[in-house]
Every structure is written in C-alpha cells, then in structure tokens.
Amino acid sequence: MKVKMDKQEFMDLVKQYSNDCVVLSFIKHDHPAYVKLLAAGQDIVPWLLERLRDSIGHDRGDYMDYDNCPWLTIALLGEITDGKCFDGFPDDDAGKLVKIRDFILAWGLKNKLIT
C-alpha cells in the first residue's frame, strides 16, 4: 500500500534510520523508517536523489553525516525503481560508494528526476 508523505516527514525518517543504522555494514530492511520510506514509492525518488547528492563529502570519518546514510538512499532507490537506477552499472564497481553514487546521480539527471 502506497503511503503519502511530505518532505519533512521524509527528512525525519531518513534522519531516524541514519541515526540508528549508519554505522552498520548492512541495510536494515525491517527498520520502521525504512519500511515507511519504501511504502511512499516513486513520489520520494527526487528527494532520495537530493539526499544522495547531499552525502557527497560527508560519508566517512570525521566528515560522516549521521543524519544522512547514503546506503539507505541507494537501497531505497534500487527497490523503488525496480533496479532501473542500476541498469548498466559495472559489476567491478559493486560496493564502491563513490562509483555507485555517481552512477545513480547521473541516472537521476538523465531521467530529469533532479536538476
């Protein structure tokens, strides 16, 4: 069932998930925030892409943004787009955050989902 959500609720859920899970080496698909975000579907794709872009330079060490886990946005984008955001992604780059992020952001720009 698709859930309607506004941007503030979206941001709050991303923050909640990120605060709880950013240091994990896996995605918690059963986390309540993840479940709610996934239920919002296609409507949140532009916001996910914005958050992914905002994670550039804030994804490790002292620069880690604990309110914005890039792996969350990547996982949700993969599920919500049925993997279309990964079409053509090189297998050799699997698991490489910068490569994945750049590829997905290019996909978002190409499909006019972000500016």
N, C-alpha and C. Protein backbone atom coordinates (compact mmCIF):
# COMPACT_ATOMS: atom_id res chain seq x y z
N MET A 1 0.84 -1.18 0.00
CA MET A 1 0.00 0.00 0.00
C MET A 1 0.89 1.25 0.00
N LYS A 2 0.63 2.14 -0.95
CA LYS A 2 1.41 3.37 -1.06
C LYS A 2 0.99 4.36 0.01
N VAL A 3 1.99 5.01 0.61
CA VAL A 3 1.77 5.97 1.68
C VAL A 3 2.16 7.36 1.19
N LYS A 4 1.31 8.34 1.41
CA LYS A 4 1.62 9.73 1.07
C LYS A 4 2.47 10.33 2.17
N MET A 5 3.49 11.07 1.78
CA MET A 5 4.35 11.68 2.78
C MET A 5 4.84 13.03 2.27
N ASP A 6 5.02 13.97 3.19
CA ASP A 6 5.58 15.27 2.80
C ASP A 6 7.09 15.24 3.02
N LYS A 7 7.73 16.29 2.56
CA LYS A 7 9.19 16.30 2.60
C LYS A 7 9.73 16.29 4.04
N GLN A 8 9.06 16.97 4.95
CA GLN A 8 9.54 16.99 6.33
C GLN A 8 9.49 15.59 6.94
N GLU A 9 8.41 14.87 6.71
CA GLU A 9 8.33 13.50 7.22
C GLU A 9 9.42 12.63 6.59
N PHE A 10 9.64 12.82 5.29
CA PHE A 10 10.71 12.10 4.60
C PHE A 10 12.06 12.37 5.29
N MET A 11 12.35 13.65 5.50
CA MET A 11 13.63 14.02 6.12
C MET A 11 13.76 13.43 7.52
N ASP A 12 12.67 13.47 8.28
CA ASP A 12 12.69 12.91 9.63
C ASP A 12 12.95 11.41 9.61
N LEU A 13 12.36 10.70 8.66
CA LEU A 13 12.56 9.25 8.57
C LEU A 13 13.98 8.91 8.14
N VAL A 14 14.53 9.67 7.19
CA VAL A 14 15.93 9.45 6.78
C VAL A 14 16.85 9.67 7.97
N LYS A 15 16.59 10.72 8.72
CA LYS A 15 17.41 11.01 9.90
C LYS A 15 17.28 9.91 10.95
N GLN A 16 16.05 9.47 11.19
CA GLN A 16 15.82 8.40 12.17
C GLN A 16 16.57 7.13 11.79
N TYR A 17 16.42 6.71 10.54
CA TYR A 17 17.10 5.50 10.08
C TYR A 17 18.61 5.70 10.19
N SER A 18 19.09 6.81 9.69
CA SER A 18 20.53 7.07 9.66
C SER A 18 21.12 7.08 11.07
N ASN A 19 20.46 7.76 11.99
CA ASN A 19 20.96 7.80 13.37
C ASN A 19 21.04 6.40 13.97
N ASP A 20 20.07 5.57 13.65
CA ASP A 20 20.03 4.22 14.21
C ASP A 20 20.98 3.25 13.51
N CYS A 21 21.25 3.48 12.22
CA CYS A 21 21.88 2.40 11.43
C CYS A 21 23.11 2.80 10.61
N VAL A 22 23.52 4.05 10.61
CA VAL A 22 24.58 4.49 9.70
C VAL A 22 25.89 3.71 9.89
N VAL A 23 26.15 3.22 11.08
CA VAL A 23 27.41 2.51 11.32
C VAL A 23 27.34 1.01 11.00
N LEU A 24 26.16 0.54 10.61
CA LEU A 24 26.02 -0.88 10.27
C LEU A 24 26.60 -1.16 8.89
N SER A 25 27.02 -2.38 8.67
CA SER A 25 27.57 -2.75 7.37
C SER A 25 26.53 -3.42 6.47
N PHE A 26 25.27 -3.24 6.83
CA PHE A 26 24.17 -3.80 6.04
C PHE A 26 22.95 -2.89 6.18
N ILE A 27 21.98 -3.09 5.31
CA ILE A 27 20.75 -2.31 5.35
C ILE A 27 19.72 -3.07 6.18
N LYS A 28 19.08 -2.38 7.10
CA LYS A 28 18.02 -2.97 7.91
C LYS A 28 16.67 -2.73 7.21
N HIS A 29 16.29 -3.68 6.37
CA HIS A 29 15.06 -3.55 5.60
C HIS A 29 13.81 -3.59 6.49
N ASP A 30 13.95 -4.08 7.71
CA ASP A 30 12.81 -4.15 8.62
C ASP A 30 12.74 -2.97 9.60
N HIS A 31 13.67 -2.02 9.46
CA HIS A 31 13.63 -0.84 10.32
C HIS A 31 12.35 -0.06 10.00
N PRO A 32 11.62 0.40 11.02
CA PRO A 32 10.35 1.11 10.78
C PRO A 32 10.47 2.28 9.81
N ALA A 33 11.55 3.05 9.88
CA ALA A 33 11.72 4.18 8.97
C ALA A 33 11.92 3.70 7.54
N TYR A 34 12.69 2.63 7.36
CA TYR A 34 12.91 2.07 6.02
C TYR A 34 11.58 1.61 5.43
N VAL A 35 10.80 0.91 6.23
CA VAL A 35 9.51 0.39 5.77
C VAL A 35 8.59 1.53 5.33
N LYS A 36 8.53 2.59 6.12
CA LYS A 36 7.68 3.74 5.78
C LYS A 36 8.17 4.44 4.52
N LEU A 37 9.48 4.62 4.40
CA LEU A 37 10.03 5.27 3.21
C LEU A 37 9.74 4.44 1.97
N LEU A 38 9.94 3.16 2.06
CA LEU A 38 9.67 2.28 0.92
C LEU A 38 8.21 2.35 0.50
N ALA A 39 7.32 2.44 1.48
CA ALA A 39 5.89 2.49 1.19
C ALA A 39 5.48 3.77 0.45
N ALA A 40 6.29 4.81 0.53
CA ALA A 40 5.98 6.06 -0.17
C ALA A 40 6.20 5.93 -1.67
N GLY A 41 7.01 4.99 -2.09
CA GLY A 41 7.18 4.70 -3.52
C GLY A 41 7.83 5.80 -4.33
N GLN A 42 7.45 5.85 -5.59
CA GLN A 42 8.06 6.73 -6.59
C GLN A 42 8.05 8.22 -6.20
N ASP A 43 7.09 8.63 -5.40
CA ASP A 43 6.98 10.05 -5.05
C ASP A 43 8.22 10.59 -4.37
N ILE A 44 8.97 9.74 -3.68
CA ILE A 44 10.13 10.24 -2.93
C ILE A 44 11.45 10.11 -3.70
N VAL A 45 11.41 9.60 -4.93
CA VAL A 45 12.66 9.42 -5.69
C VAL A 45 13.45 10.72 -5.81
N PRO A 46 12.83 11.85 -6.19
CA PRO A 46 13.63 13.09 -6.27
C PRO A 46 14.28 13.46 -4.94
N TRP A 47 13.57 13.26 -3.84
CA TRP A 47 14.12 13.58 -2.52
C TRP A 47 15.26 12.63 -2.16
N LEU A 48 15.12 11.36 -2.52
CA LEU A 48 16.21 10.40 -2.28
C LEU A 48 17.46 10.81 -3.05
N LEU A 49 17.27 11.23 -4.28
CA LEU A 49 18.41 11.67 -5.09
C LEU A 49 19.06 12.92 -4.49
N GLU A 50 18.25 13.83 -3.97
CA GLU A 50 18.79 15.02 -3.30
C GLU A 50 19.64 14.63 -2.09
N ARG A 51 19.11 13.72 -1.27
CA ARG A 51 19.84 13.28 -0.07
C ARG A 51 21.12 12.55 -0.47
N LEU A 52 21.06 11.77 -1.55
CA LEU A 52 22.26 11.09 -2.03
C LEU A 52 23.30 12.11 -2.46
N ARG A 53 22.87 13.11 -3.18
CA ARG A 53 23.81 14.17 -3.62
C ARG A 53 24.36 14.92 -2.41
N ASP A 54 23.52 15.15 -1.40
CA ASP A 54 23.97 15.85 -0.19
C ASP A 54 24.99 15.04 0.62
N SER A 55 25.08 13.75 0.36
CA SER A 55 26.04 12.92 1.11
C SER A 55 27.46 13.02 0.57
N ILE A 56 27.64 13.64 -0.58
CA ILE A 56 28.97 13.77 -1.17
C ILE A 56 29.87 14.54 -0.20
N GLY A 57 31.00 13.94 0.16
CA GLY A 57 31.95 14.57 1.07
C GLY A 57 31.58 14.43 2.54
N HIS A 58 30.47 13.73 2.82
CA HIS A 58 30.00 13.58 4.20
C HIS A 58 29.72 12.13 4.52
N ASP A 59 30.58 11.24 4.07
CA ASP A 59 30.26 9.82 4.18
C ASP A 59 31.31 8.97 4.88
N ARG A 60 32.31 9.60 5.50
CA ARG A 60 33.29 8.78 6.22
C ARG A 60 34.07 9.62 7.23
N GLY A 61 34.58 8.91 8.21
CA GLY A 61 35.46 9.53 9.20
C GLY A 61 34.83 10.71 9.92
N ASP A 62 35.64 11.74 10.12
CA ASP A 62 35.17 12.93 10.83
C ASP A 62 34.11 13.70 10.05
N TYR A 63 33.96 13.40 8.78
CA TYR A 63 33.01 14.11 7.94
C TYR A 63 31.67 13.39 7.81
N MET A 64 31.53 12.26 8.52
CA MET A 64 30.31 11.46 8.43
C MET A 64 29.10 12.27 8.89
N ASP A 65 28.07 12.25 8.06
CA ASP A 65 26.80 12.88 8.42
C ASP A 65 25.89 11.78 8.95
N TYR A 66 25.75 11.73 10.25
CA TYR A 66 24.96 10.67 10.88
C TYR A 66 23.46 10.85 10.67
N ASP A 67 23.07 11.92 10.01
CA ASP A 67 21.66 12.14 9.69
C ASP A 67 21.34 11.76 8.25
N ASN A 68 22.33 11.28 7.50
CA ASN A 68 22.12 11.03 6.07
C ASN A 68 22.97 9.86 5.60
N CYS A 69 22.47 8.66 5.75
CA CYS A 69 23.19 7.46 5.33
C CYS A 69 23.02 7.24 3.83
N PRO A 70 24.09 7.38 3.04
CA PRO A 70 23.95 7.21 1.59
C PRO A 70 23.52 5.80 1.19
N TRP A 71 23.89 4.80 1.99
CA TRP A 71 23.49 3.43 1.65
C TRP A 71 21.99 3.25 1.77
N LEU A 72 21.35 4.01 2.66
CA LEU A 72 19.89 3.97 2.77
C LEU A 72 19.27 4.45 1.46
N THR A 73 19.70 5.61 0.99
CA THR A 73 19.11 6.15 -0.23
C THR A 73 19.39 5.25 -1.43
N ILE A 74 20.57 4.67 -1.49
CA ILE A 74 20.90 3.75 -2.59
C ILE A 74 19.99 2.52 -2.55
N ALA A 75 19.83 1.94 -1.38
CA ALA A 75 18.99 0.75 -1.25
C ALA A 75 17.54 1.05 -1.62
N LEU A 76 17.02 2.17 -1.12
CA LEU A 76 15.64 2.53 -1.43
C LEU A 76 15.46 2.83 -2.91
N LEU A 77 16.40 3.54 -3.51
CA LEU A 77 16.30 3.82 -4.93
C LEU A 77 16.30 2.53 -5.75
N GLY A 78 17.13 1.58 -5.35
CA GLY A 78 17.15 0.29 -6.05
C GLY A 78 15.81 -0.41 -5.97
N GLU A 79 15.22 -0.43 -4.79
CA GLU A 79 13.93 -1.10 -4.62
C GLU A 79 12.79 -0.35 -5.31
N ILE A 80 12.73 0.95 -5.11
CA ILE A 80 11.62 1.73 -5.65
C ILE A 80 11.64 1.76 -7.17
N THR A 81 12.83 1.76 -7.77
CA THR A 81 12.92 1.81 -9.24
C THR A 81 13.02 0.42 -9.86
N ASP A 82 12.82 -0.60 -9.06
CA ASP A 82 12.98 -1.99 -9.54
C ASP A 82 14.35 -2.21 -10.19
N GLY A 83 15.36 -1.55 -9.64
CA GLY A 83 16.73 -1.72 -10.13
C GLY A 83 17.08 -0.91 -11.36
N LYS A 84 16.14 -0.14 -11.89
CA LYS A 84 16.41 0.64 -13.11
C LYS A 84 17.55 1.64 -12.91
N CYS A 85 17.71 2.14 -11.71
CA CYS A 85 18.77 3.12 -11.44
C CYS A 85 20.16 2.47 -11.53
N PHE A 86 20.20 1.14 -11.56
CA PHE A 86 21.48 0.42 -11.66
C PHE A 86 21.73 -0.15 -13.07
N ASP A 87 20.79 0.04 -14.00
CA ASP A 87 20.96 -0.52 -15.34
C ASP A 87 22.27 -0.05 -15.97
N GLY A 88 23.12 -0.99 -16.33
CA GLY A 88 24.40 -0.68 -16.95
C GLY A 88 25.53 -0.44 -15.97
N PHE A 89 25.27 -0.56 -14.68
CA PHE A 89 26.33 -0.33 -13.69
C PHE A 89 27.34 -1.47 -13.77
N PRO A 90 28.64 -1.14 -13.84
CA PRO A 90 29.67 -2.18 -13.96
C PRO A 90 29.80 -3.05 -12.70
N ASP A 91 29.79 -4.35 -12.88
CA ASP A 91 29.93 -5.28 -11.75
C ASP A 91 31.21 -5.04 -10.96
N ASP A 92 32.27 -4.62 -11.63
CA ASP A 92 33.55 -4.39 -10.95
C ASP A 92 33.48 -3.28 -9.91
N ASP A 93 32.47 -2.41 -10.02
CA ASP A 93 32.35 -1.30 -9.10
C ASP A 93 31.35 -1.56 -7.97
N ALA A 94 30.85 -2.78 -7.90
CA ALA A 94 29.90 -3.12 -6.83
C ALA A 94 30.53 -2.86 -5.46
N GLY A 95 29.76 -2.24 -4.58
CA GLY A 95 30.23 -1.97 -3.22
C GLY A 95 31.06 -0.71 -3.08
N LYS A 96 31.34 -0.02 -4.16
CA LYS A 96 32.14 1.21 -4.13
C LYS A 96 31.21 2.41 -4.09
N LEU A 97 31.07 2.99 -2.91
CA LEU A 97 30.10 4.05 -2.69
C LEU A 97 30.20 5.18 -3.70
N VAL A 98 31.38 5.71 -3.92
CA VAL A 98 31.52 6.87 -4.81
C VAL A 98 31.08 6.51 -6.22
N LYS A 99 31.46 5.35 -6.70
CA LYS A 99 31.08 4.91 -8.06
C LYS A 99 29.57 4.72 -8.16
N ILE A 100 28.98 4.08 -7.16
CA ILE A 100 27.54 3.84 -7.17
C ILE A 100 26.79 5.17 -7.11
N ARG A 101 27.21 6.03 -6.21
CA ARG A 101 26.53 7.33 -6.05
C ARG A 101 26.61 8.13 -7.34
N ASP A 102 27.79 8.22 -7.93
CA ASP A 102 27.93 8.98 -9.17
C ASP A 102 27.06 8.41 -10.28
N PHE A 103 27.00 7.08 -10.37
CA PHE A 103 26.20 6.42 -11.40
C PHE A 103 24.72 6.73 -11.21
N ILE A 104 24.24 6.59 -9.99
CA ILE A 104 22.82 6.84 -9.71
C ILE A 104 22.46 8.31 -9.92
N LEU A 105 23.33 9.21 -9.50
CA LEU A 105 23.06 10.63 -9.70
C LEU A 105 23.03 10.98 -11.19
N ALA A 106 23.90 10.38 -11.98
CA ALA A 106 23.87 10.59 -13.43
C ALA A 106 22.56 10.05 -14.01
N TRP A 107 22.12 8.90 -13.51
CA TRP A 107 20.84 8.34 -13.93
C TRP A 107 19.70 9.31 -13.59
N GLY A 108 19.72 9.88 -12.39
CA GLY A 108 18.69 10.83 -11.98
C GLY A 108 18.67 12.08 -12.86
N LEU A 109 19.84 12.59 -13.20
CA LEU A 109 19.92 13.75 -14.08
C LEU A 109 19.42 13.40 -15.47
N LYS A 110 19.84 12.27 -15.99
CA LYS A 110 19.43 11.84 -17.34
C LYS A 110 17.92 11.69 -17.42
N ASN A 111 17.31 11.21 -16.36
CA ASN A 111 15.87 11.00 -16.35
C ASN A 111 15.09 12.19 -15.79
N LYS A 112 15.80 13.32 -15.63
CA LYS A 112 15.20 14.57 -15.18
C LYS A 112 14.45 14.44 -13.85
N LEU A 113 15.03 13.64 -12.96
CA LEU A 113 14.46 13.47 -11.64
C LEU A 113 15.08 14.41 -10.62
N ILE A 114 16.23 14.98 -10.99
CA ILE A 114 16.89 16.03 -10.21
C ILE A 114 17.47 17.03 -11.18
N THR A 115 17.76 18.21 -10.68
CA THR A 115 18.35 19.23 -11.56
C THR A 115 19.75 19.55 -11.11
